[in-house]
C-alpha atoms as a PDB file:
ATOM      1  CA  UNK A   1     -70.322 -51.597  22.340  1.00  0.00           C
ATOM      2  CA  UNK A   2     -72.059 -49.644  25.091  1.00  0.00           C
ATOM      3  CA  UNK A   3     -72.858 -51.715  28.192  1.00  0.00           C
ATOM      4  CA  UNK A   4     -75.063 -50.744  31.119  1.00  0.00           C
ATOM      5  CA  UNK A   5     -74.280 -52.998  34.088  1.00  0.00           C
ATOM      6  CA  UNK A   6     -75.731 -53.184  37.578  1.00  0.00           C
ATOM      7  CA  UNK A   7     -74.960 -55.050  40.766  1.00  0.00           C
ATOM      8  CA  UNK A   8     -77.269 -55.396  43.762  1.00  0.00           C
ATOM      9  CA  UNK A   9     -76.233 -58.842  44.984  1.00  0.00           C
ATOM     10  CA  UNK A  10     -75.036 -57.756  48.443  1.00  0.00           C
ATOM     11  CA  UNK A  11     -75.211 -54.768  50.815  1.00  0.00           C
ATOM     12  CA  UNK A  12     -73.824 -52.261  48.305  1.00  0.00           C
ATOM     13  CA  UNK A  13     -75.380 -51.393  44.952  1.00  0.00           C
ATOM     14  CA  UNK A  14     -73.700 -50.004  41.852  1.00  0.00           C
ATOM     15  CA  UNK A  15     -74.362 -49.116  38.238  1.00  0.00           C
ATOM     16  CA  UNK A  16     -71.810 -48.571  35.482  1.00  0.00           C
ATOM     17  CA  UNK A  17     -71.767 -47.554  31.848  1.00  0.00           C
ATOM     18  CA  UNK A  18     -68.858 -48.739  29.711  1.00  0.00           C
ATOM     19  CA  UNK A  19     -67.902 -48.511  26.057  1.00  0.00           C
ATOM     20  CA  UNK A  20     -65.204 -50.655  24.464  1.00  0.00           C
ATOM     21  CA  UNK A  21     -63.748 -51.363  27.902  1.00  0.00           C
ATOM     22  CA  UNK A  22     -63.699 -47.713  29.011  1.00  0.00           C
ATOM     23  CA  UNK A  23     -65.718 -46.788  32.111  1.00  0.00           C
ATOM     24  CA  UNK A  24     -67.841 -43.808  31.083  1.00  0.00           C
ATOM     25  CA  UNK A  25     -69.382 -43.544  34.544  1.00  0.00           C
ATOM     26  CA  UNK A  26     -70.017 -45.565  37.688  1.00  0.00           C
ATOM     27  CA  UNK A  27     -72.221 -44.963  40.721  1.00  0.00           C
ATOM     28  CA  UNK A  28     -71.603 -46.935  43.937  1.00  0.00           C
ATOM     29  CA  UNK A  29     -73.751 -46.744  47.077  1.00  0.00           C
ATOM     30  CA  UNK A  30     -73.294 -48.566  50.392  1.00  0.00           C
ATOM     31  CA  UNK A  31     -75.476 -46.741  52.917  1.00  0.00           C
ATOM     32  CA  UNK A  32     -77.805 -49.468  54.151  1.00  0.00           C
ATOM     33  CA  UNK A  33     -80.839 -48.461  52.092  1.00  0.00           C
ATOM     34  CA  UNK A  34     -82.729 -51.142  50.208  1.00  0.00           C
ATOM     35  CA  UNK A  35     -81.828 -51.624  46.569  1.00  0.00           C
ATOM     36  CA  UNK A  36     -85.395 -50.816  45.588  1.00  0.00           C
ATOM     37  CA  UNK A  37     -84.659 -47.301  46.897  1.00  0.00           C
ATOM     38  CA  UNK A  38     -81.206 -46.790  45.407  1.00  0.00           C
ATOM     39  CA  UNK A  39     -80.718 -48.793  42.209  1.00  0.00           C
ATOM     40  CA  UNK A  40     -83.054 -47.101  39.720  1.00  0.00           C
ATOM     41  CA  UNK A  41     -82.146 -43.549  40.887  1.00  0.00           C
ATOM     42  CA  UNK A  42     -78.467 -44.468  40.397  1.00  0.00           C
ATOM     43  CA  UNK A  43     -79.135 -45.747  36.898  1.00  0.00           C
ATOM     44  CA  UNK A  44     -81.103 -42.600  36.083  1.00  0.00           C
ATOM     45  CA  UNK A  45     -78.338 -40.376  37.415  1.00  0.00           C
ATOM     46  CA  UNK A  46     -75.709 -42.353  35.516  1.00  0.00           C
ATOM     47  CA  UNK A  47     -77.545 -41.964  32.215  1.00  0.00           C
ATOM     48  CA  UNK A  48     -78.169 -38.261  32.859  1.00  0.00           C
ATOM     49  CA  UNK A  49     -74.581 -37.459  33.797  1.00  0.00           C
ATOM     50  CA  UNK A  50     -73.121 -39.354  30.852  1.00  0.00           C
ATOM     51  CA  UNK A  51     -75.748 -37.864  28.525  1.00  0.00           C
ATOM     52  CA  UNK A  52     -76.750 -41.326  27.400  1.00  0.00           C
ATOM     53  CA  UNK A  53     -80.120 -42.277  25.995  1.00  0.00           C
ATOM     54  CA  UNK A  54     -81.264 -45.664  27.271  1.00  0.00           C
ATOM     55  CA  UNK A  55     -82.044 -46.632  23.687  1.00  0.00           C
ATOM     56  CA  UNK A  56     -78.367 -46.370  22.739  1.00  0.00           C
ATOM     57  CA  UNK A  57     -77.328 -49.142  25.142  1.00  0.00           C
ATOM     58  CA  UNK A  58     -76.214 -52.218  23.190  1.00  0.00           C
ATOM     59  CA  UNK A  59     -76.027 -54.695  26.064  1.00  0.00           C
ATOM     60  CA  UNK A  60     -77.401 -54.906  29.602  1.00  0.00           C
ATOM     61  CA  UNK A  61     -75.536 -56.845  32.279  1.00  0.00           C
ATOM     62  CA  UNK A  62     -76.448 -57.800  35.824  1.00  0.00           C
ATOM     63  CA  UNK A  63     -74.955 -59.908  38.590  1.00  0.00           C
ATOM     64  CA  UNK A  64     -77.239 -62.931  38.943  1.00  0.00           C
ATOM     65  CA  UNK A  65     -75.754 -64.444  42.095  1.00  0.00           C
ATOM     66  CA  UNK A  66     -74.773 -65.850  44.393  1.00  0.00           C
ATOM     67  CA  UNK A  67     -75.751 -63.283  46.998  1.00  0.00           C
ATOM     68  CA  UNK A  68     -78.791 -61.716  48.611  1.00  0.00           C
ATOM     69  CA  UNK A  69     -81.989 -63.371  47.377  1.00  0.00           C
ATOM     70  CA  UNK A  70     -83.921 -60.090  47.404  1.00  0.00           C
ATOM     71  CA  UNK A  71     -81.052 -58.012  46.011  1.00  0.00           C
ATOM     72  CA  UNK A  72     -80.502 -60.364  43.089  1.00  0.00           C
ATOM     73  CA  UNK A  73     -84.194 -60.311  42.195  1.00  0.00           C
ATOM     74  CA  UNK A  74     -84.270 -56.503  42.293  1.00  0.00           C
ATOM     75  CA  UNK A  75     -81.247 -56.253  39.989  1.00  0.00           C
ATOM     76  CA  UNK A  76     -82.591 -58.737  37.474  1.00  0.00           C
ATOM     77  CA  UNK A  77     -86.073 -57.190  37.471  1.00  0.00           C
ATOM     78  CA  UNK A  78     -84.581 -53.724  36.909  1.00  0.00           C
ATOM     79  CA  UNK A  79     -82.498 -54.864  33.961  1.00  0.00           C
ATOM     80  CA  UNK A  80     -85.396 -56.784  32.430  1.00  0.00           C
ATOM     81  CA  UNK A  81     -87.571 -53.680  32.609  1.00  0.00           C
ATOM     82  CA  UNK A  82     -84.915 -51.538  30.920  1.00  0.00           C
ATOM     83  CA  UNK A  83     -84.076 -54.071  28.213  1.00  0.00           C
ATOM     84  CA  UNK A  84     -87.523 -55.317  27.215  1.00  0.00           C
ATOM     85  CA  UNK A  85     -88.777 -52.293  25.196  1.00  0.00           C
ATOM     86  CA  UNK A  86     -86.174 -52.934  22.458  1.00  0.00           C
ATOM     87  CA  UNK A  87     -85.485 -56.569  23.384  1.00  0.00           C
ATOM     88  CA  UNK A  88     -81.863 -55.557  23.977  1.00  0.00           C
ATOM     89  CA  UNK A  89     -79.478 -58.494  24.623  1.00  0.00           C
ATOM     90  CA  UNK A  90     -78.591 -59.234  28.240  1.00  0.00           C
ATOM     91  CA  UNK A  91     -75.831 -61.065  30.088  1.00  0.00           C
ATOM     92  CA  UNK A  92     -76.104 -62.549  33.573  1.00  0.00           C
ATOM     93  CA  UNK A  93     -72.751 -62.480  35.383  1.00  0.00           C
ATOM     94  CA  UNK A  94     -71.584 -64.456  38.399  1.00  0.00           C
ATOM     95  CA  UNK A  95     -71.142 -62.125  41.376  1.00  0.00           C
ATOM     96  CA  UNK A  96     -67.921 -63.969  42.225  1.00  0.00           C
ATOM     97  CA  UNK A  97     -66.574 -63.488  38.698  1.00  0.00           C
ATOM     98  CA  UNK A  98     -67.314 -59.764  38.895  1.00  0.00           C
ATOM     99  CA  UNK A  99     -65.185 -59.571  42.067  1.00  0.00           C
ATOM    100  CA  UNK A 100     -62.266 -61.305  40.405  1.00  0.00           C
ATOM    101  CA  UNK A 101     -62.273 -58.745  37.587  1.00  0.00           C
ATOM    102  CA  UNK A 102     -61.199 -56.098  40.140  1.00  0.00           C
ATOM    103  CA  UNK A 103     -57.854 -57.876  40.498  1.00  0.00           C
ATOM    104  CA  UNK A 104     -57.293 -59.042  36.916  1.00  0.00           C
ATOM    105  CA  UNK A 105     -54.396 -56.555  36.640  1.00  0.00           C
ATOM    106  CA  UNK A 106     -52.439 -58.509  39.286  1.00  0.00           C
ATOM    107  CA  UNK A 107     -50.766 -61.912  39.163  1.00  0.00           C
ATOM    108  CA  UNK A 108     -51.712 -64.712  41.526  1.00  0.00           C
ATOM    109  CA  UNK A 109     -54.830 -66.488  42.757  1.00  0.00           C
ATOM    110  CA  UNK A 110     -58.079 -64.721  43.596  1.00  0.00           C
ATOM    111  CA  UNK A 111     -60.339 -66.477  46.093  1.00  0.00           C
ATOM    112  CA  UNK A 112     -63.750 -64.791  45.881  1.00  0.00           C
ATOM    113  CA  UNK A 113     -65.876 -65.426  48.962  1.00  0.00           C
ATOM    114  CA  UNK A 114     -69.293 -64.263  50.159  1.00  0.00           C
ATOM    115  CA  UNK A 115     -70.611 -65.082  53.611  1.00  0.00           C
ATOM    116  CA  UNK A 116     -73.267 -67.773  53.116  1.00  0.00           C
ATOM    117  CA  UNK A 117     -73.898 -68.206  56.866  1.00  0.00           C
ATOM    118  CA  UNK A 118     -74.200 -71.613  58.509  1.00  0.00           C
ATOM    119  CA  UNK A 119     -70.392 -71.950  58.506  1.00  0.00           C
ATOM    120  CA  UNK A 120     -70.133 -71.713  54.716  1.00  0.00           C
ATOM    121  CA  UNK A 121     -69.084 -69.239  52.064  1.00  0.00           C
ATOM    122  CA  UNK A 122     -70.099 -68.914  48.443  1.00  0.00           C
ATOM    123  CA  UNK A 123     -66.851 -69.299  46.569  1.00  0.00           C
ATOM    124  CA  UNK A 124     -65.055 -69.443  43.244  1.00  0.00           C
ATOM    125  CA  UNK A 125     -61.311 -69.373  42.576  1.00  0.00           C
ATOM    126  CA  UNK A 126     -59.607 -67.569  39.687  1.00  0.00           C
ATOM    127  CA  UNK A 127     -56.080 -67.314  38.334  1.00  0.00           C
ATOM    128  CA  UNK A 128     -55.152 -63.736  37.331  1.00  0.00           C
ATOM    129  CA  UNK A 129     -52.220 -62.940  35.065  1.00  0.00           C
ATOM    130  CA  UNK A 130     -52.206 -59.155  34.735  1.00  0.00           C
ATOM    131  CA  UNK A 131     -54.899 -59.071  32.060  1.00  0.00           C
ATOM    132  CA  UNK A 132     -57.589 -61.694  32.590  1.00  0.00           C
ATOM    133  CA  UNK A 133     -59.237 -63.774  35.302  1.00  0.00           C
ATOM    134  CA  UNK A 134     -59.309 -67.501  34.496  1.00  0.00           C
ATOM    135  CA  UNK A 135     -61.879 -69.530  36.390  1.00  0.00           C
ATOM    136  CA  UNK A 136     -60.448 -72.575  38.204  1.00  0.00           C
ATOM    137  CA  UNK A 137     -63.576 -73.907  39.941  1.00  0.00           C
ATOM    138  CA  UNK A 138     -67.332 -73.359  39.514  1.00  0.00           C
ATOM    139  CA  UNK A 139     -69.379 -71.255  41.915  1.00  0.00           C
ATOM    140  CA  UNK A 140     -70.237 -73.335  44.980  1.00  0.00           C
ATOM    141  CA  UNK A 141     -71.049 -73.232  48.702  1.00  0.00           C
ATOM    142  CA  UNK A 142     -68.201 -74.620  50.812  1.00  0.00           C
ATOM    143  CA  UNK A 143     -66.994 -74.530  54.407  1.00  0.00           C
ATOM    144  CA  UNK A 144     -64.171 -72.133  55.302  1.00  0.00           C
ATOM    145  CA  UNK A 145     -62.044 -75.019  56.563  1.00  0.00           C
ATOM    146  CA  UNK A 146     -62.462 -77.053  53.369  1.00  0.00           C
ATOM    147  CA  UNK A 147     -61.712 -74.002  51.232  1.00  0.00           C
ATOM    148  CA  UNK A 148     -58.507 -73.244  53.133  1.00  0.00           C
ATOM    149  CA  UNK A 149     -57.342 -76.816  52.634  1.00  0.00           C
ATOM    150  CA  UNK A 150     -58.029 -76.568  48.900  1.00  0.00           C
ATOM    151  CA  UNK A 151     -56.229 -73.221  48.571  1.00  0.00           C
ATOM    152  CA  UNK A 152     -52.952 -74.806  49.653  1.00  0.00           C
ATOM    153  CA  UNK A 153     -52.530 -76.143  46.118  1.00  0.00           C
ATOM    154  CA  UNK A 154     -52.895 -72.794  44.345  1.00  0.00           C
ATOM    155  CA  UNK A 155     -49.969 -70.598  43.346  1.00  0.00           C
ATOM    156  CA  UNK A 156     -49.529 -67.430  45.379  1.00  0.00           C
ATOM    157  CA  UNK A 157     -50.017 -64.742  46.232  1.00  0.00           C
ATOM    158  CA  UNK A 158     -53.530 -65.593  47.397  1.00  0.00           C
ATOM    159  CA  UNK A 159     -55.951 -62.663  47.333  1.00  0.00           C
ATOM    160  CA  UNK A 160     -59.233 -62.795  49.285  1.00  0.00           C
ATOM    161  CA  UNK A 161     -62.119 -60.655  47.997  1.00  0.00           C
ATOM    162  CA  UNK A 162     -65.797 -60.297  48.872  1.00  0.00           C
ATOM    163  CA  UNK A 163     -67.786 -59.774  52.057  1.00  0.00           C
ATOM    164  CA  UNK A 164     -66.523 -63.151  53.307  1.00  0.00           C
ATOM    165  CA  UNK A 165     -62.868 -62.162  52.883  1.00  0.00           C
ATOM    166  CA  UNK A 166     -62.467 -60.998  56.481  1.00  0.00           C
ATOM    167  CA  UNK A 167     -64.173 -64.140  57.754  1.00  0.00           C
ATOM    168  CA  UNK A 168     -61.641 -66.309  55.926  1.00  0.00           C
ATOM    169  CA  UNK A 169     -58.649 -64.068  56.592  1.00  0.00           C
ATOM    170  CA  UNK A 170     -59.227 -64.165  60.358  1.00  0.00           C
ATOM    171  CA  UNK A 171     -59.898 -67.896  60.520  1.00  0.00           C
ATOM    172  CA  UNK A 172     -57.211 -70.230  61.922  1.00  0.00           C
ATOM    173  CA  UNK A 173     -57.351 -72.316  58.731  1.00  0.00           C
ATOM    174  CA  UNK A 174     -56.318 -69.454  56.433  1.00  0.00           C
ATOM    175  CA  UNK A 175     -53.683 -67.988  58.751  1.00  0.00           C
ATOM    176  CA  UNK A 176     -50.840 -70.282  57.529  1.00  0.00           C
ATOM    177  CA  UNK A 177     -51.578 -69.401  53.886  1.00  0.00           C
ATOM    178  CA  UNK A 178     -50.466 -65.764  54.122  1.00  0.00           C
ATOM    179  CA  UNK A 179     -53.553 -64.552  52.269  1.00  0.00           C
ATOM    180  CA  UNK A 180     -53.748 -60.893  51.195  1.00  0.00           C
ATOM    181  CA  UNK A 181     -56.705 -58.539  51.711  1.00  0.00           C
ATOM    182  CA  UNK A 182     -56.843 -55.902  48.920  1.00  0.00           C
ATOM    183  CA  UNK A 183     -57.926 -52.307  49.719  1.00  0.00           C
ATOM    184  CA  UNK A 184     -61.660 -51.728  50.007  1.00  0.00           C
ATOM    185  CA  UNK A 185     -61.904 -50.227  46.506  1.00  0.00           C
ATOM    186  CA  UNK A 186     -60.954 -53.661  45.135  1.00  0.00           C
ATOM    187  CA  UNK A 187     -62.533 -55.833  47.808  1.00  0.00           C
ATOM    188  CA  UNK A 188     -66.185 -55.893  46.760  1.00  0.00           C
ATOM    189  CA  UNK A 189     -68.083 -56.547  43.541  1.00  0.00           C
ATOM    190  CA  UNK A 190     -68.810 -53.497  41.422  1.00  0.00           C
ATOM    191  CA  UNK A 191     -70.895 -52.912  38.318  1.00  0.00           C
ATOM    192  CA  UNK A 192     -67.768 -52.109  36.283  1.00  0.00           C
ATOM    193  CA  UNK A 193     -66.547 -55.656  36.978  1.00  0.00           C
ATOM    194  CA  UNK A 194     -69.933 -56.987  35.867  1.00  0.00           C
ATOM    195  CA  UNK A 195     -69.579 -55.027  32.619  1.00  0.00           C
ATOM    196  CA  UNK A 196     -66.067 -56.352  31.982  1.00  0.00           C
ATOM    197  CA  UNK A 197     -67.128 -59.964  32.496  1.00  0.00           C
ATOM    198  CA  UNK A 198     -70.248 -59.404  30.379  1.00  0.00           C
ATOM    199  CA  UNK A 199     -68.244 -58.080  27.443  1.00  0.00           C
ATOM    200  CA  UNK A 200     -66.197 -61.286  27.356  1.00  0.00           C
ATOM    201  CA  UNK A 201     -69.322 -63.442  27.701  1.00  0.00           C
ATOM    202  CA  UNK A 202     -70.973 -61.558  24.829  1.00  0.00           C
ATOM    203  CA  UNK A 203     -68.018 -62.347  22.553  1.00  0.00           C
ATOM    204  CA  UNK A 204     -68.501 -66.007  23.483  1.00  0.00           C
ATOM    205  CA  UNK A 205     -72.137 -65.867  22.345  1.00  0.00           C
ATOM    206  CA  UNK A 206     -73.696 -66.103  25.811  1.00  0.00           C
ATOM    207  CA  UNK A 207     -76.189 -63.234  25.494  1.00  0.00           C
ATOM    208  CA  UNK A 208     -79.862 -63.946  26.200  1.00  0.00           C
ATOM    209  CA  UNK A 209     -83.122 -62.091  25.763  1.00  0.00           C
ATOM    210  CA  UNK A 210     -84.365 -60.044  28.749  1.00  0.00           C
ATOM    211  CA  UNK A 211     -86.776 -62.830  29.603  1.00  0.00           C
ATOM    212  CA  UNK A 212     -83.899 -65.313  29.657  1.00  0.00           C
ATOM    213  CA  UNK A 213     -82.198 -63.762  32.706  1.00  0.00           C
ATOM    214  CA  UNK A 214     -82.349 -66.095  35.705  1.00  0.00           C
ATOM    215  CA  UNK A 215     -81.027 -65.847  39.276  1.00  0.00           C
ATOM    216  CA  UNK A 216     -78.354 -68.279  40.506  1.00  0.00           C
ATOM    217  CA  UNK A 217     -78.828 -68.935  44.219  1.00  0.00           C
ATOM    218  CA  UNK A 218     -76.604 -72.042  44.735  1.00  0.00           C
ATOM    219  CA  UNK A 219     -78.761 -73.149  47.674  1.00  0.00           C
ATOM    220  CA  UNK A 220     -82.357 -72.594  48.878  1.00  0.00           C
ATOM    221  CA  UNK A 221     -83.243 -69.514  50.920  1.00  0.00           C
ATOM    222  CA  UNK A 222     -83.184 -69.775  54.709  1.00  0.00           C
ATOM    223  CA  UNK A 223     -86.975 -69.606  54.814  1.00  0.00           C
ATOM    224  CA  UNK A 224     -87.221 -72.543  52.411  1.00  0.00           C
ATOM    225  CA  UNK A 225     -84.712 -74.585  54.429  1.00  0.00           C
ATOM    226  CA  UNK A 226     -86.571 -73.835  57.660  1.00  0.00           C
ATOM    227  CA  UNK A 227     -89.894 -74.834  56.076  1.00  0.00           C
ATOM    228  CA  UNK A 228     -88.488 -78.131  54.781  1.00  0.00           C
ATOM    229  CA  UNK A 229     -87.013 -78.883  58.201  1.00  0.00           C
ATOM    230  CA  UNK A 230     -90.316 -78.105  59.902  1.00  0.00           C
ATOM    231  CA  UNK A 231     -92.258 -80.253  57.456  1.00  0.00           C
ATOM    232  CA  UNK A 232     -89.796 -83.096  57.927  1.00  0.00           C
ATOM    233  CA  UNK A 233     -90.158 -82.944  61.705  1.00  0.00           C
ATOM    234  CA  UNK A 234     -93.964 -82.865  61.455  1.00  0.00           C
ATOM    235  CA  UNK A 235     -93.929 -86.178  59.557  1.00  0.00           C
ATOM    236  CA  UNK A 236     -92.053 -87.979  62.327  1.00  0.00           C
END
């Protein structure tokens, strides 16, 4: 099976092409440009350099959140546009799950965290055994302090990944846990991790049509929260 996967859920963007678990090519870009500028050119370059016709792709995969509201929408819209002409099956992958796939070759607990602001992180916890990443909790928004308290019960070593890893690692609540920060090549979500998670989800029958892809935000956007607060105050 040939899978074209993309990730644009945070500051970096990436695109990968895999076949039967082998990475045929992967482009990764973290230069501060908007994903609307970088994502489609990366996909085009990936297909050109691997000499792959878009029509030969069997499955499209995209990280559907949590993460940047705009970035997630750009990624999903791009994949929908590529998949719709042939109604090619699609898989939406948790951004946090994609991160955990980077460390599936290790043994221990992976705590995937993205900075959600307002004193919280988007989080999911996985047990890795050298081959697979087993989910222990669902994606959620949680405070750093509460997460550190929960992580005391998990078997070590405890690996922190994601753009919230440094935030947790440097907090007084995580300091006693002896958490480990992987090198940068393993620290952030990548499209190859999206592809790996998507392949497993496809075997479990979780593919959808292009129109069935939906973002997963976990909580309303800041603008929505501010509007609700303002409207609530105006009623007083």
